Protein backbone atom coordinates (compact mmCIF):
# COMPACT_ATOMS: atom_id res chain seq x y z
CA MET A 1 -1.21 18.11 -2.32
CA SER A 2 -1.79 14.73 -0.74
CA SER A 3 1.04 12.32 0.03
CA THR A 4 -0.53 9.73 -2.31
CA VAL A 5 0.04 12.02 -5.30
CA LEU A 6 3.68 12.57 -4.31
CA GLU A 7 4.31 8.83 -3.93
CA ASN A 8 3.15 8.14 -7.50
CA THR A 9 5.11 11.01 -9.07
CA PRO A 10 8.33 9.83 -10.76
CA GLU A 11 11.46 11.29 -9.20
CA VAL A 12 13.46 13.64 -11.45
CA ALA A 13 16.80 15.23 -10.58
CA ILE A 14 18.50 17.87 -12.73
CA VAL A 15 22.14 18.92 -12.83
CA GLY A 16 21.71 22.47 -14.12
CA GLU A 17 23.55 23.99 -17.08
CA HIS A 18 26.03 25.92 -14.88
CA ALA A 19 26.43 23.18 -12.23
CA LYS A 20 29.47 20.96 -11.70
CA VAL A 21 28.81 17.87 -9.60
CA ARG A 22 31.35 15.34 -8.34
CA GLY A 23 30.34 12.19 -6.49
CA SER A 24 27.86 9.35 -6.57
CA PHE A 25 24.20 9.54 -7.62
CA VAL A 26 21.70 6.74 -6.88
CA SER A 27 18.00 7.13 -7.62
CA ASN A 28 14.82 5.29 -8.58
CA GLY A 29 13.95 8.05 -11.02
CA THR A 30 15.40 10.09 -13.87
CA LEU A 31 18.60 12.14 -13.89
CA ILE A 32 18.90 14.95 -16.44
CA VAL A 33 22.41 16.36 -16.87
CA GLU A 34 22.64 19.81 -18.45
CA GLY A 35 25.97 20.70 -16.77
CA VAL A 36 28.94 18.54 -15.70
CA PHE A 37 28.77 15.34 -13.63
CA ASN A 38 31.94 13.45 -12.58
CA GLY A 39 31.50 10.20 -10.68
CA SER A 40 29.09 7.29 -10.67
CA ILE A 41 25.43 7.27 -11.66
CA GLN A 42 22.92 4.51 -10.95
CA CYS A 43 19.33 5.15 -12.00
CA PRO A 44 16.61 3.81 -14.31
CA ARG A 45 16.82 6.71 -16.80
CA LEU A 46 19.65 9.10 -17.67
CA ILE A 47 19.35 11.98 -20.14
CA VAL A 48 22.51 13.91 -21.04
CA MET A 49 21.52 17.15 -22.74
CA GLU A 50 23.50 18.73 -25.61
CA ARG A 51 25.79 20.77 -23.33
CA GLY A 52 25.82 18.09 -20.64
CA GLU A 53 28.93 16.10 -19.75
CA VAL A 54 29.13 12.88 -17.77
CA ALA A 55 32.47 11.27 -16.87
CA GLY A 56 32.71 8.10 -14.83
CA LEU A 57 30.61 5.00 -14.32
CA VAL A 58 26.99 4.90 -15.52
CA GLN A 59 24.51 2.13 -14.82
CA ALA A 60 20.98 2.78 -16.13
CA ASP A 61 18.16 0.96 -17.87
CA ASP A 62 17.60 3.71 -20.42
CA VAL A 63 20.22 6.27 -21.54
CA GLU A 64 19.68 9.11 -24.01
CA VAL A 65 22.75 11.11 -25.01
CA TRP A 66 22.75 14.51 -26.72
CA GLY A 67 26.01 15.66 -25.09
CA THR A 68 29.14 13.82 -23.90
CA VAL A 69 29.48 10.58 -21.93
CA GLU A 70 32.97 9.38 -21.04
CA GLY A 71 33.93 6.25 -19.14
CA PHE A 72 32.11 2.96 -18.65
CA THR A 73 28.38 2.74 -19.33
CA ARG A 74 26.16 -0.28 -18.73
CA ALA A 75 22.61 0.14 -19.99
CA GLY A 76 19.62 -1.81 -21.18
CA LYS A 77 19.12 0.64 -24.04
CA ILE A 78 21.13 3.62 -25.26
CA VAL A 79 20.04 6.22 -27.81
CA CYS A 80 22.78 8.54 -29.08
CA ARG A 81 21.51 11.64 -30.86
CA LYS A 82 23.44 13.34 -33.68
CA THR A 83 25.24 15.74 -31.29
CA ALA A 84 26.40 12.94 -28.95
CA ARG A 85 30.01 12.08 -28.10
CA VAL A 86 30.55 8.73 -26.42
CA LEU A 87 34.08 8.02 -25.22
CA GLY A 88 34.83 4.68 -23.58
CA CYS A 89 33.08 1.34 -23.28
CA VAL A 90 29.34 0.84 -23.50
CA MET A 91 27.77 -2.51 -22.53
CA VAL A 92 24.19 -2.57 -23.76
CA GLN A 93 21.32 -4.81 -24.85
CA SER A 94 20.20 -2.44 -27.61
CA ALA A 95 21.59 0.75 -29.15
CA ALA A 96 20.52 3.39 -31.64
CA LEU A 97 23.04 5.83 -33.13
CA GLU A 98 21.96 8.75 -35.26
CA PRO A 99 24.25 9.88 -38.10
CA GLY A 100 26.83 12.32 -36.73
CA VAL A 101 27.50 10.57 -33.41
CA VAL A 102 31.15 10.47 -32.35
CA LEU A 103 32.06 7.12 -30.79
CA GLU A 104 35.61 6.63 -29.50
CA GLY A 105 35.69 3.28 -27.78
CA ALA A 106 33.52 0.20 -28.03
CA ILE A 107 29.93 -0.92 -27.85
CA VAL A 108 29.53 -4.44 -26.49
CA PHE A 109 26.13 -6.04 -26.92
CA VAL A 110 25.06 -8.34 -24.10
CA LYS A 111 22.07 -10.64 -23.87
CA SER A 112 19.20 -9.84 -21.59
CA GLU A 113 18.67 -12.23 -18.69
CA GLY A 114 15.68 -13.85 -20.46
CA ASP A 115 17.76 -14.78 -23.53
CA GLU A 116 20.03 -17.30 -21.78
CA ASN A 117 18.52 -20.40 -23.46
CA GLU A 118 18.53 -18.80 -26.93
CA GLY A 119 22.31 -19.20 -27.20
CA GLU A 120 22.11 -22.94 -26.58
CA LYS A 121 19.58 -23.38 -29.41
CA GLY A 122 21.77 -21.31 -31.73
CA ARG A 123 24.85 -23.39 -30.94
CA GLU A 124 22.96 -26.63 -31.66
CA CYS A 125 22.01 -25.43 -35.14
CA GLU A 126 25.41 -23.92 -35.78
CA SER A 127 27.29 -27.10 -34.84
CA GLY A 128 25.27 -29.13 -37.37
CA PHE A 129 26.08 -26.63 -40.09
CA LEU A 130 29.83 -26.92 -39.60
CA LYS A 131 29.99 -30.72 -39.56
CA GLU A 132 31.01 -32.51 -42.75
CA GLU A 133 28.55 -35.09 -43.88
CA PRO A 134 29.58 -38.14 -45.87
CA SER A 135 28.83 -37.53 -49.52
CA GLY A 136 28.48 -41.17 -50.53
CA ARG A 137 30.49 -40.44 -53.70
CA ASN A 138 33.79 -42.14 -54.39
């Protein structure tokens, strides 16, 4: 296999079903957790399988949860499948929760970096709505 093919292949790491990992994980690829991971995770994509458990700090662009995530999660998008348990705080731009998800904590929606000016426009319209206008009636 040539090195060019390897350079274009997305990196995937797997914490196996019987594995227990403690520490810090940083990657430019995908992490799939089938076992137990305690610590911090920073990667573009995290998939926690049905028997997988993650406890700690997660920072990822895309998170898919079938198992358990506990702690603080910051993601661009999170999808929680019906078998998911999410315990703690999730800061996210978008979220999808299937019926059956257990959520003990909070989901906080944050704006993406490109939406900064949208809030100003919204406040301008909102402020006009709340102002009392003279009715002209006596």
